[in-house]
Amino acid sequence: MQNLSPRHVKTEESLRLGVVSGWYSTKVSGTFVSGPHDSEADCLRRILEINPPPVKVKKTAPAA
């Protein structure tokens, strides 16, 4: 499971990094995983596709 977060890269930084300005999903280390996305909402949707939240399973009591 990766811990991904959205990050906005502005024009000045994009020129320095050699990427297109926009929203990117990034690892904790700062590595870009996906992008650029048009909005933070688009970026968050992609993060959920890459790394869906864990499914909680209800525990049932053993049969008597």
PDB file of N, CA and C in Angstrom:
ATOM      1  N   MET A   1       0.836  -1.178   0.000  1.00  0.00           N
ATOM      2  CA  MET A   1       0.000   0.000   0.000  1.00  0.00           C
ATOM      3  C   MET A   1       0.883   1.245   0.000  1.00  0.00           C
ATOM      4  N   GLN A   2       0.647   2.104  -0.948  1.00  0.00           N
ATOM      5  CA  GLN A   2       1.407   3.338  -1.041  1.00  0.00           C
ATOM      6  C   GLN A   2       0.634   4.470  -0.373  1.00  0.00           C
ATOM      7  N   ASN A   3       1.354   5.360   0.258  1.00  0.00           N
ATOM      8  CA  ASN A   3       0.742   6.555   0.814  1.00  0.00           C
ATOM      9  C   ASN A   3       0.903   7.657  -0.218  1.00  0.00           C
ATOM     10  N   LEU A   4      -0.149   7.945  -0.976  1.00  0.00           N
ATOM     11  CA  LEU A   4      -0.069   8.952  -2.030  1.00  0.00           C
ATOM     12  C   LEU A   4      -0.817  10.206  -1.618  1.00  0.00           C
ATOM     13  N   SER A   5      -0.324  11.344  -2.086  1.00  0.00           N
ATOM     14  CA  SER A   5      -1.009  12.606  -1.799  1.00  0.00           C
ATOM     15  C   SER A   5      -0.957  13.503  -3.032  1.00  0.00           C
ATOM     16  N   PRO A   6      -1.947  14.420  -3.147  1.00  0.00           N
ATOM     17  CA  PRO A   6      -1.951  15.344  -4.284  1.00  0.00           C
ATOM     18  C   PRO A   6      -0.951  16.477  -4.056  1.00  0.00           C
ATOM     19  N   ARG A   7      -0.353  16.945  -5.144  1.00  0.00           N
ATOM     20  CA  ARG A   7       0.598  18.050  -5.056  1.00  0.00           C
ATOM     21  C   ARG A   7       0.460  18.909  -6.300  1.00  0.00           C
ATOM     22  N   HIS A   8       0.350  20.212  -6.096  1.00  0.00           N
ATOM     23  CA  HIS A   8       0.244  21.121  -7.232  1.00  0.00           C
ATOM     24  C   HIS A   8       1.624  21.653  -7.585  1.00  0.00           C
ATOM     25  N   VAL A   9       1.987  21.527  -8.845  1.00  0.00           N
ATOM     26  CA  VAL A   9       3.268  22.035  -9.349  1.00  0.00           C
ATOM     27  C   VAL A   9       2.963  23.277 -10.183  1.00  0.00           C
ATOM     28  N   LYS A  10       3.429  24.424  -9.676  1.00  0.00           N
ATOM     29  CA  LYS A  10       3.204  25.696 -10.371  1.00  0.00           C
ATOM     30  C   LYS A  10       4.183  25.846 -11.525  1.00  0.00           C
ATOM     31  N   THR A  11       3.938  26.831 -12.376  1.00  0.00           N
ATOM     32  CA  THR A  11       4.726  27.029 -13.597  1.00  0.00           C
ATOM     33  C   THR A  11       6.212  27.163 -13.326  1.00  0.00           C
ATOM     34  N   GLU A  12       6.581  27.976 -12.347  1.00  0.00           N
ATOM     35  CA  GLU A  12       8.002  28.195 -12.048  1.00  0.00           C
ATOM     36  C   GLU A  12       8.703  26.879 -11.690  1.00  0.00           C
ATOM     37  N   GLU A  13       8.072  26.098 -10.823  1.00  0.00           N
ATOM     38  CA  GLU A  13       8.655  24.817 -10.421  1.00  0.00           C
ATOM     39  C   GLU A  13       8.631  23.821 -11.581  1.00  0.00           C
ATOM     40  N   SER A  14       7.576  23.869 -12.402  1.00  0.00           N
ATOM     41  CA  SER A  14       7.487  22.923 -13.515  1.00  0.00           C
ATOM     42  C   SER A  14       8.632  23.136 -14.504  1.00  0.00           C
ATOM     43  N   LEU A  15       9.006  24.388 -14.714  1.00  0.00           N
ATOM     44  CA  LEU A  15      10.136  24.677 -15.605  1.00  0.00           C
ATOM     45  C   LEU A  15      11.431  24.111 -15.037  1.00  0.00           C
ATOM     46  N   ARG A  16      11.594  24.250 -13.727  1.00  0.00           N
ATOM     47  CA  ARG A  16      12.802  23.732 -13.070  1.00  0.00           C
ATOM     48  C   ARG A  16      12.865  22.210 -13.129  1.00  0.00           C
ATOM     49  N   LEU A  17      11.701  21.565 -12.955  1.00  0.00           N
ATOM     50  CA  LEU A  17      11.655  20.095 -12.940  1.00  0.00           C
ATOM     51  C   LEU A  17      11.553  19.484 -14.331  1.00  0.00           C
ATOM     52  N   GLY A  18      11.169  20.292 -15.304  1.00  0.00           N
ATOM     53  CA  GLY A  18      11.004  19.769 -16.659  1.00  0.00           C
ATOM     54  C   GLY A  18       9.721  18.994 -16.843  1.00  0.00           C
ATOM     55  N   VAL A  19       8.670  19.392 -16.119  1.00  0.00           N
ATOM     56  CA  VAL A  19       7.368  18.745 -16.246  1.00  0.00           C
ATOM     57  C   VAL A  19       6.318  19.807 -16.556  1.00  0.00           C
ATOM     58  N   VAL A  20       5.120  19.366 -16.896  1.00  0.00           N
ATOM     59  CA  VAL A  20       4.008  20.268 -17.174  1.00  0.00           C
ATOM     60  C   VAL A  20       3.387  20.698 -15.847  1.00  0.00           C
ATOM     61  N   SER A  21       2.988  21.945 -15.750  1.00  0.00           N
ATOM     62  CA  SER A  21       2.325  22.450 -14.555  1.00  0.00           C
ATOM     63  C   SER A  21       0.988  21.746 -14.364  1.00  0.00           C
ATOM     64  N   GLY A  22       0.637  21.425 -13.135  1.00  0.00           N
ATOM     65  CA  GLY A  22      -0.631  20.776 -12.841  1.00  0.00           C
ATOM     66  C   GLY A  22      -0.577  20.017 -11.535  1.00  0.00           C
ATOM     67  N   TRP A  23      -1.595  19.198 -11.315  1.00  0.00           N
ATOM     68  CA  TRP A  23      -1.685  18.376 -10.107  1.00  0.00           C
ATOM     69  C   TRP A  23      -1.077  17.005 -10.355  1.00  0.00           C
ATOM     70  N   TYR A  24      -0.291  16.533  -9.405  1.00  0.00           N
ATOM     71  CA  TYR A  24       0.359  15.225  -9.484  1.00  0.00           C
ATOM     72  C   TYR A  24       0.096  14.445  -8.206  1.00  0.00           C
ATOM     73  N   SER A  25      -0.040  13.136  -8.342  1.00  0.00           N
ATOM     74  CA  SER A  25      -0.056  12.301  -7.145  1.00  0.00           C
ATOM     75  C   SER A  25       1.397  11.941  -6.864  1.00  0.00           C
ATOM     76  N   THR A  26       1.773  12.053  -5.600  1.00  0.00           N
ATOM     77  CA  THR A  26       3.165  11.818  -5.229  1.00  0.00           C
ATOM     78  C   THR A  26       3.276  10.859  -4.058  1.00  0.00           C
ATOM     79  N   LYS A  27       4.406  10.158  -4.012  1.00  0.00           N
ATOM     80  CA  LYS A  27       4.733   9.322  -2.864  1.00  0.00           C
ATOM     81  C   LYS A  27       5.246  10.230  -1.748  1.00  0.00           C
ATOM     82  N   VAL A  28       5.427   9.689  -0.555  1.00  0.00           N
ATOM     83  CA  VAL A  28       5.963  10.444   0.571  1.00  0.00           C
ATOM     84  C   VAL A  28       7.344  10.999   0.226  1.00  0.00           C
ATOM     85  N   SER A  29       8.093  10.265  -0.576  1.00  0.00           N
ATOM     86  CA  SER A  29       9.449  10.681  -0.969  1.00  0.00           C
ATOM     87  C   SER A  29       9.433  11.865  -1.933  1.00  0.00           C
ATOM     88  N   GLY A  30       8.255  12.177  -2.511  1.00  0.00           N
ATOM     89  CA  GLY A  30       8.145  13.263  -3.474  1.00  0.00           C
ATOM     90  C   GLY A  30       8.140  12.787  -4.917  1.00  0.00           C
ATOM     91  N   THR A  31       8.304  11.497  -5.130  1.00  0.00           N
ATOM     92  CA  THR A  31       8.293  10.932  -6.474  1.00  0.00           C
ATOM     93  C   THR A  31       6.903  11.033  -7.088  1.00  0.00           C
ATOM     94  N   PHE A  32       6.832  11.535  -8.327  1.00  0.00           N
ATOM     95  CA  PHE A  32       5.553  11.619  -9.021  1.00  0.00           C
ATOM     96  C   PHE A  32       5.094  10.224  -9.417  1.00  0.00           C
ATOM     97  N   VAL A  33       3.807   9.944  -9.196  1.00  0.00           N
ATOM     98  CA  VAL A  33       3.232   8.650  -9.555  1.00  0.00           C
ATOM     99  C   VAL A  33       2.315   8.798 -10.766  1.00  0.00           C
ATOM    100  N   SER A  34       1.512   9.862 -10.789  1.00  0.00           N
ATOM    101  CA  SER A  34       0.652  10.115 -11.940  1.00  0.00           C
ATOM    102  C   SER A  34       0.450  11.612 -12.105  1.00  0.00           C
ATOM    103  N   GLY A  35       0.059  11.999 -13.304  1.00  0.00           N
ATOM    104  CA  GLY A  35      -0.205  13.409 -13.572  1.00  0.00           C
ATOM    105  C   GLY A  35       0.462  13.829 -14.859  1.00  0.00           C
ATOM    106  N   PRO A  36       0.238  15.039 -15.274  1.00  0.00           N
ATOM    107  CA  PRO A  36      -0.504  16.062 -14.555  1.00  0.00           C
ATOM    108  C   PRO A  36      -2.016  15.875 -14.700  1.00  0.00           C
ATOM    109  N   HIS A  37      -2.731  16.292 -13.674  1.00  0.00           N
ATOM    110  CA  HIS A  37      -4.189  16.270 -13.666  1.00  0.00           C
ATOM    111  C   HIS A  37      -4.677  17.710 -13.697  1.00  0.00           C
ATOM    112  N   ASP A  38      -5.871  17.930 -14.258  1.00  0.00           N
ATOM    113  CA  ASP A  38      -6.424  19.276 -14.399  1.00  0.00           C
ATOM    114  C   ASP A  38      -6.813  19.913 -13.075  1.00  0.00           C
ATOM    115  N   SER A  39      -7.201  19.095 -12.102  1.00  0.00           N
ATOM    116  CA  SER A  39      -7.654  19.639 -10.820  1.00  0.00           C
ATOM    117  C   SER A  39      -7.244  18.712  -9.684  1.00  0.00           C
ATOM    118  N   GLU A  40      -7.345  19.230  -8.471  1.00  0.00           N
ATOM    119  CA  GLU A  40      -7.045  18.405  -7.299  1.00  0.00           C
ATOM    120  C   GLU A  40      -8.035  17.247  -7.201  1.00  0.00           C
ATOM    121  N   ALA A  41      -9.292  17.505  -7.546  1.00  0.00           N
ATOM    122  CA  ALA A  41     -10.312  16.450  -7.506  1.00  0.00           C
ATOM    123  C   ALA A  41      -9.962  15.314  -8.473  1.00  0.00           C
ATOM    124  N   ASP A  42      -9.503  15.648  -9.687  1.00  0.00           N
ATOM    125  CA  ASP A  42      -9.083  14.618 -10.649  1.00  0.00           C
ATOM    126  C   ASP A  42      -7.910  13.823 -10.093  1.00  0.00           C
ATOM    127  N   CYS A  43      -6.997  14.521  -9.466  1.00  0.00           N
ATOM    128  CA  CYS A  43      -5.825  13.864  -8.886  1.00  0.00           C
ATOM    129  C   CYS A  43      -6.243  12.904  -7.764  1.00  0.00           C
ATOM    130  N   LEU A  44      -7.152  13.354  -6.904  1.00  0.00           N
ATOM    131  CA  LEU A  44      -7.630  12.501  -5.809  1.00  0.00           C
ATOM    132  C   LEU A  44      -8.364  11.271  -6.337  1.00  0.00           C
ATOM    133  N   ARG A  45      -9.144  11.433  -7.424  1.00  0.00           N
ATOM    134  CA  ARG A  45      -9.813  10.276  -8.039  1.00  0.00           C
ATOM    135  C   ARG A  45      -8.789   9.258  -8.522  1.00  0.00           C
ATOM    136  N   ARG A  46      -7.722   9.746  -9.133  1.00  0.00           N
ATOM    137  CA  ARG A  46      -6.677   8.840  -9.630  1.00  0.00           C
ATOM    138  C   ARG A  46      -5.967   8.134  -8.472  1.00  0.00           C
ATOM    139  N   ILE A  47      -5.736   8.854  -7.386  1.00  0.00           N
ATOM    140  CA  ILE A  47      -5.111   8.240  -6.211  1.00  0.00           C
ATOM    141  C   ILE A  47      -5.983   7.097  -5.703  1.00  0.00           C
ATOM    142  N   LEU A  48      -7.301   7.301  -5.679  1.00  0.00           N
ATOM    143  CA  LEU A  48      -8.209   6.232  -5.227  1.00  0.00           C
ATOM    144  C   LEU A  48      -8.206   5.046  -6.182  1.00  0.00           C
ATOM    145  N   GLU A  49      -8.002   5.298  -7.486  1.00  0.00           N
ATOM    146  CA  GLU A  49      -7.909   4.198  -8.450  1.00  0.00           C
ATOM    147  C   GLU A  49      -6.623   3.399  -8.229  1.00  0.00           C
ATOM    148  N   ILE A  50      -5.528   4.105  -7.999  1.00  0.00           N
ATOM    149  CA  ILE A  50      -4.227   3.453  -7.811  1.00  0.00           C
ATOM    150  C   ILE A  50      -4.179   2.722  -6.476  1.00  0.00           C
ATOM    151  N   ASN A  51      -4.716   3.367  -5.464  1.00  0.00           N
ATOM    152  CA  ASN A  51      -4.585   2.872  -4.103  1.00  0.00           C
ATOM    153  C   ASN A  51      -5.938   2.925  -3.394  1.00  0.00           C
ATOM    154  N   PRO A  52      -6.849   2.000  -3.708  1.00  0.00           N
ATOM    155  CA  PRO A  52      -8.177   2.046  -3.080  1.00  0.00           C
ATOM    156  C   PRO A  52      -8.095   1.820  -1.572  1.00  0.00           C
ATOM    157  N   PRO A  53      -9.030   2.413  -0.818  1.00  0.00           N
ATOM    158  CA  PRO A  53      -9.025   2.200   0.631  1.00  0.00           C
ATOM    159  C   PRO A  53      -9.314   0.738   0.947  1.00  0.00           C
ATOM    160  N   PRO A  54      -8.767   0.242   2.057  1.00  0.00           N
ATOM    161  CA  PRO A  54      -9.011  -1.159   2.410  1.00  0.00           C
ATOM    162  C   PRO A  54     -10.484  -1.407   2.706  1.00  0.00           C
ATOM    163  N   VAL A  55     -10.938  -2.592   2.332  1.00  0.00           N
ATOM    164  CA  VAL A  55     -12.336  -2.969   2.574  1.00  0.00           C
ATOM    165  C   VAL A  55     -12.402  -3.566   3.963  1.00  0.00           C
ATOM    166  N   LYS A  56     -13.304  -3.017   4.782  1.00  0.00           N
ATOM    167  CA  LYS A  56     -13.473  -3.534   6.141  1.00  0.00           C
ATOM    168  C   LYS A  56     -14.441  -4.704   6.088  1.00  0.00           C
ATOM    169  N   VAL A  57     -14.042  -5.802   6.695  1.00  0.00           N
ATOM    170  CA  VAL A  57     -14.867  -7.007   6.726  1.00  0.00           C
ATOM    171  C   VAL A  57     -15.441  -7.152   8.129  1.00  0.00           C
ATOM    172  N   LYS A  58     -16.761  -7.325   8.187  1.00  0.00           N
ATOM    173  CA  LYS A  58     -17.395  -7.530   9.491  1.00  0.00           C
ATOM    174  C   LYS A  58     -17.087  -8.930   9.977  1.00  0.00           C
ATOM    175  N   LYS A  59     -16.699  -8.995  11.229  1.00  0.00           N
ATOM    176  CA  LYS A  59     -16.446 -10.300  11.838  1.00  0.00           C
ATOM    177  C   LYS A  59     -17.757 -10.791  12.442  1.00  0.00           C
ATOM    178  N   THR A  60     -18.067 -12.038  12.179  1.00  0.00           N
ATOM    179  CA  THR A  60     -19.293 -12.608  12.728  1.00  0.00           C
ATOM    180  C   THR A  60     -18.947 -13.514  13.890  1.00  0.00           C
ATOM    181  N   ALA A  61     -19.878 -13.616  14.819  1.00  0.00           N
ATOM    182  CA  ALA A  61     -19.680 -14.502  15.960  1.00  0.00           C
ATOM    183  C   ALA A  61     -19.784 -15.945  15.498  1.00  0.00           C
ATOM    184  N   PRO A  62     -18.972 -16.814  16.085  1.00  0.00           N
ATOM    185  CA  PRO A  62     -19.038 -18.234  15.700  1.00  0.00           C
ATOM    186  C   PRO A  62     -20.414 -18.829  16.028  1.00  0.00           C
ATOM    187  N   ALA A  63     -20.862 -19.735  15.178  1.00  0.00           N
ATOM    188  CA  ALA A  63     -22.155 -20.384  15.400  1.00  0.00           C
ATOM    189  C   ALA A  63     -22.115 -21.257  16.639  1.00  0.00           C
ATOM    190  N   ALA A  64     -23.196 -21.221  17.405  1.00  0.00           N
ATOM    191  CA  ALA A  64     -23.237 -22.002  18.639  1.00  0.00           C
ATOM    192  C   ALA A  64     -23.735 -23.396  18.412  1.00  0.00           C
TER     193      ALA A  64
END
